[in-house]
Protein backbone atom coordinates (compact mmCIF):
# COMPACT_ATOMS: atom_id res chain seq x y z
CA MET A 1 47.37 25.80 -132.30
CA ARG A 2 48.30 27.40 -128.96
CA THR A 3 47.26 31.01 -128.55
CA PRO A 4 49.60 33.59 -126.96
CA SER A 5 47.30 33.82 -123.92
CA SER A 6 47.36 30.08 -123.28
CA LYS A 7 51.12 29.99 -123.73
CA THR A 8 51.50 32.74 -121.12
CA GLN A 9 49.27 30.88 -118.71
CA SER A 10 51.38 27.75 -119.07
CA VAL A 11 54.47 29.47 -117.63
CA PRO A 12 54.87 28.44 -113.95
CA LEU A 13 54.45 31.39 -111.63
CA ALA A 14 57.52 30.25 -109.74
CA THR A 15 59.58 30.99 -112.85
CA VAL A 16 58.15 34.50 -113.08
CA ILE A 17 58.76 35.10 -109.39
CA THR A 18 62.37 33.95 -109.66
CA ALA A 19 63.03 36.22 -112.62
CA THR A 20 61.38 39.17 -110.89
CA LEU A 21 63.33 38.51 -107.70
CA LYS A 22 66.65 38.61 -109.57
CA LEU A 23 65.72 41.85 -111.32
CA TRP A 24 64.47 43.65 -108.21
CA ARG A 25 67.44 42.45 -106.17
CA LYS A 26 69.84 43.68 -108.86
CA HIS A 27 68.39 47.19 -108.65
CA HIS A 28 67.94 47.17 -104.84
CA LEU A 29 64.32 48.27 -105.00
CA SER A 30 62.59 49.40 -101.83
CA TYR A 31 59.08 48.36 -100.79
CA ASP A 32 57.50 51.51 -102.21
CA GLN A 33 59.46 51.14 -105.44
CA THR A 34 58.35 47.55 -105.94
CA ARG A 35 54.72 48.59 -105.40
CA TYR A 36 55.13 51.36 -107.95
CA VAL A 37 56.77 49.04 -110.48
CA ALA A 38 53.98 46.44 -110.12
CA LYS A 39 51.36 49.15 -110.54
CA GLU A 40 52.99 50.55 -113.67
CA VAL A 41 53.41 47.08 -115.20
CA ARG A 42 49.71 46.36 -114.66
CA ARG A 43 48.84 49.69 -116.24
CA ALA A 44 51.11 49.11 -119.25
CA LEU A 45 49.62 45.67 -119.80
CA ALA A 46 46.07 47.00 -119.25
CA ILE A 47 45.49 44.53 -116.42
CA ALA A 48 42.44 45.93 -114.67
CA ARG A 49 41.18 45.03 -111.22
CA PRO A 50 38.08 42.78 -111.46
CA SER A 51 34.93 44.83 -111.01
CA THR A 52 33.48 42.16 -108.75
CA ARG A 53 35.52 39.64 -106.85
CA PRO A 54 33.50 36.73 -105.47
CA ARG A 55 34.27 36.45 -101.81
CA GLY A 56 32.74 34.66 -98.92
CA ILE A 57 33.29 35.38 -95.26
CA VAL A 58 34.18 32.25 -93.32
CA ARG A 59 33.10 32.26 -89.69
CA LEU A 60 33.28 30.04 -86.65
CA SER A 61 30.05 28.33 -85.68
CA ARG A 62 28.27 29.47 -82.53
CA ALA A 63 28.98 26.12 -80.90
CA ASP A 64 32.69 26.35 -81.73
CA GLU A 65 32.83 29.95 -80.44
CA ALA A 66 31.52 28.81 -77.07
CA CYS A 67 33.77 25.75 -77.08
CA LEU A 68 36.87 27.83 -77.85
CA ILE A 69 36.26 30.36 -75.08
CA ALA A 70 35.32 27.65 -72.57
CA GLN A 71 38.55 25.80 -73.34
CA ALA A 72 40.55 29.01 -72.96
CA TYR A 73 39.09 29.56 -69.48
CA ARG A 74 40.09 26.04 -68.48
CA MET A 75 43.72 26.86 -69.19
CA PRO A 76 46.03 28.58 -66.70
CA GLY A 77 46.72 32.27 -66.75
CA VAL A 78 44.66 34.93 -68.46
CA ARG A 79 44.05 33.10 -71.74
CA GLY A 80 40.29 32.87 -71.26
CA LEU A 81 39.84 36.59 -70.75
CA LEU A 82 42.32 37.38 -73.52
CA ILE A 83 40.52 35.32 -76.18
CA LYS A 84 37.10 36.44 -74.99
CA THR A 85 38.17 40.09 -75.26
CA LEU A 86 39.67 39.52 -78.71
CA PHE A 87 36.41 37.95 -79.86
CA GLN A 88 33.93 40.40 -78.33
CA THR A 89 35.78 43.54 -79.43
CA GLY A 90 36.18 42.35 -83.02
CA ALA A 91 39.66 43.88 -83.04
CA ARG A 92 42.24 43.02 -85.65
CA VAL A 93 45.14 41.21 -84.01
CA SER A 94 47.47 44.06 -85.01
CA GLU A 95 45.16 46.41 -83.09
CA PHE A 96 44.63 44.10 -80.15
CA VAL A 97 48.28 43.62 -79.23
CA HIS A 98 48.73 47.40 -78.83
CA LEU A 99 45.89 47.87 -76.35
CA GLN A 100 46.92 49.60 -73.15
CA VAL A 101 45.30 49.63 -69.70
CA ALA A 102 44.51 53.31 -70.20
CA ASP A 103 42.46 52.43 -73.29
CA VAL A 104 39.72 50.83 -71.15
CA TYR A 105 37.02 53.26 -70.02
CA PHE A 106 35.33 51.31 -67.27
CA ASP A 107 32.58 53.79 -66.37
CA GLU A 108 31.57 54.20 -70.03
CA GLN A 109 32.12 50.49 -70.77
CA MET A 110 34.10 51.39 -73.86
CA LEU A 111 37.46 50.43 -75.29
CA LEU A 112 39.59 52.79 -77.36
CA ILE A 113 41.50 51.11 -80.18
CA THR A 114 44.39 53.48 -80.78
CA HIS A 115 46.33 51.55 -83.42
CA ALA A 116 43.51 50.99 -85.87
CA LYS A 117 44.10 50.38 -89.55
CA GLY A 118 45.05 53.48 -91.49
CA GLY A 119 46.43 55.24 -88.41
CA LYS A 120 42.93 55.90 -87.09
CA GLN A 121 41.27 55.38 -83.72
CA ARG A 122 37.85 54.08 -82.78
CA TYR A 123 35.80 53.19 -79.74
CA VAL A 124 34.13 49.81 -79.34
CA PRO A 125 31.61 48.95 -76.59
CA LEU A 126 32.23 46.40 -73.85
CA LEU A 127 29.62 44.16 -72.29
CA PRO A 128 29.14 44.68 -68.53
CA ASP A 129 30.48 41.24 -67.60
CA LEU A 130 33.60 41.71 -69.72
CA THR A 131 34.16 45.14 -68.18
CA HIS A 132 33.92 43.60 -64.72
CA GLU A 133 36.34 40.81 -65.62
CA LEU A 134 38.87 43.29 -66.99
CA ARG A 135 38.63 45.42 -63.84
CA THR A 136 39.17 42.35 -61.65
CA TYR A 137 42.07 41.17 -63.79
CA LEU A 138 43.87 44.53 -63.75
CA ARG A 139 43.35 45.14 -60.01
CA GLU A 140 45.35 48.29 -59.26
CA ARG A 141 47.41 48.29 -62.45
CA THR A 142 46.92 51.53 -64.41
CA THR A 143 49.71 51.45 -67.00
CA GLY A 144 51.27 49.08 -69.50
CA PRO A 145 49.76 46.67 -72.02
CA LEU A 146 46.21 45.57 -71.35
CA PHE A 147 47.36 41.97 -71.71
CA GLU A 148 51.02 41.49 -70.94
CA THR A 149 53.41 38.56 -71.09
CA VAL A 150 55.39 37.27 -68.11
CA ARG A 151 58.06 39.78 -69.18
CA HIS A 152 55.51 42.61 -68.89
CA THR A 153 55.54 43.26 -72.64
CA HIS A 154 52.67 43.10 -75.10
CA TYR A 155 51.98 39.92 -77.05
CA SER A 156 53.14 39.72 -80.63
CA PRO A 157 50.60 39.00 -83.41
CA ARG A 158 52.40 35.72 -84.02
CA ARG A 159 52.05 34.69 -80.38
CA MET A 160 48.37 35.59 -80.44
CA GLN A 161 47.91 33.37 -83.46
CA GLN A 162 49.66 30.52 -81.67
CA LEU A 163 47.49 30.91 -78.56
CA VAL A 164 44.27 30.84 -80.57
CA GLN A 165 45.33 27.87 -82.69
CA GLU A 166 46.57 25.92 -79.67
CA THR A 167 43.36 26.54 -77.75
CA ALA A 168 41.21 25.53 -80.72
CA ALA A 169 43.15 22.29 -81.11
CA LEU A 170 42.72 21.44 -77.43
CA ALA A 171 39.00 22.23 -77.74
CA GLY A 172 38.73 19.66 -80.54
CA ILE A 173 37.72 22.21 -83.16
CA THR A 174 38.55 20.85 -86.60
CA THR A 175 38.12 24.16 -88.43
CA ARG A 176 41.32 26.16 -88.88
CA VAL A 177 41.00 28.88 -86.25
CA TYR A 178 42.99 32.12 -86.32
CA PRO A 179 42.48 35.57 -84.73
CA HIS A 180 40.87 37.17 -87.77
CA LEU A 181 38.32 34.35 -87.91
CA LEU A 182 37.03 35.55 -84.53
CA ARG A 183 36.57 39.02 -86.03
CA HIS A 184 34.58 37.51 -88.91
CA SER A 185 32.46 35.58 -86.43
CA VAL A 186 31.49 38.49 -84.19
CA ALA A 187 30.81 40.68 -87.23
CA THR A 188 28.35 38.25 -88.77
CA THR A 189 26.72 37.62 -85.39
CA LEU A 190 26.12 41.35 -84.86
CA LEU A 191 24.54 41.69 -88.29
CA GLU A 192 22.42 38.58 -87.81
CA ARG A 193 21.09 39.97 -84.55
CA GLY A 194 20.11 43.32 -86.01
CA MET A 195 23.01 45.74 -85.71
CA PRO A 196 22.63 48.30 -88.55
CA LEU A 197 25.22 48.07 -91.30
CA GLU A 198 26.59 51.57 -90.60
CA GLN A 199 27.09 50.76 -86.92
CA SER A 200 28.80 47.49 -87.82
CA GLN A 201 31.10 49.45 -90.12
CA GLN A 202 32.01 51.77 -87.25
CA PHE A 203 32.52 48.85 -84.85
CA LEU A 204 34.83 47.03 -87.26
CA GLY A 205 36.69 50.14 -88.38
CA HIS A 206 36.04 49.61 -92.08
CA ALA A 207 36.90 52.57 -94.27
CA LYS A 208 34.30 51.53 -96.86
CA LEU A 209 30.75 50.34 -96.30
CA GLU A 210 31.23 47.88 -99.14
CA THR A 211 33.66 45.91 -96.97
CA THR A 212 31.08 45.55 -94.22
CA GLN A 213 28.48 44.50 -96.79
CA LEU A 214 30.56 41.39 -97.46
CA TYR A 215 29.69 40.23 -93.96
CA ALA A 216 26.02 40.98 -94.49
CA ALA A 217 26.08 38.88 -97.65
CA SER A 218 27.42 35.95 -95.63
CA THR A 219 24.88 35.91 -92.84
CA THR A 220 22.82 32.82 -93.61
CA ALA A 221 20.54 33.44 -90.66
CA MET A 222 19.46 36.76 -92.17
CA MET A 223 18.78 35.06 -95.50
CA LYS A 224 16.74 32.38 -93.73
CA GLU A 225 14.66 34.98 -91.88
CA SER A 226 13.95 36.91 -95.08
CA TYR A 227 13.04 33.69 -96.88
CA GLN A 228 10.60 32.65 -94.16
CA LYS A 229 9.00 36.11 -94.08
CA ALA A 230 8.57 36.06 -97.85
CA LEU A 231 7.17 32.54 -98.21
CA GLY A 232 5.89 31.71 -94.76
CA ARG A 233 2.20 31.66 -93.99
């Protein structure tokens, strides 16, 4: 005999989506209204958020990181510096595309991310060689997007995704590469090499320390070091 729960699970989600689409379209619901409706339906049905959600942080290997950036520098234009800056700053692509020339503090070797998640701002450090490259690239330019298109506008997140994917394909990287994967990669590298969790949280702009801890849980090098310290002789 089929239980009510198994019967519900057998309904294709596409059918539910189609029915919901018709209902929401009929009542012309806005974005905020649809969020509110979904929240209230979950509450009425007592659908609680899982207390723990198993998640793993996927990262690019060190070899693939180097291969990607090397390939980017072999390509014309500023692609090498663009991808290197995206990687080393750990910026979200939505933050990166809004960077302005004025956001680079050369003497302090710092970068101000002004369009951070949640309407916040944060500073991230720059390595000396990256600071020098940015200064050389900008020359006398003091205004406008940090990285601009041929039309002197900022890149779109979609275009950034295309540039990263195209470069990875040309580099022969078989892993699916996207801008946020670079953020994952630099985050786990920093933790593996000893950056304190609180500083990593500040660097990444995480509102909650628990989010940063997901990266710490994924650093296999840290696990290996702890294992060898515990059992090594």
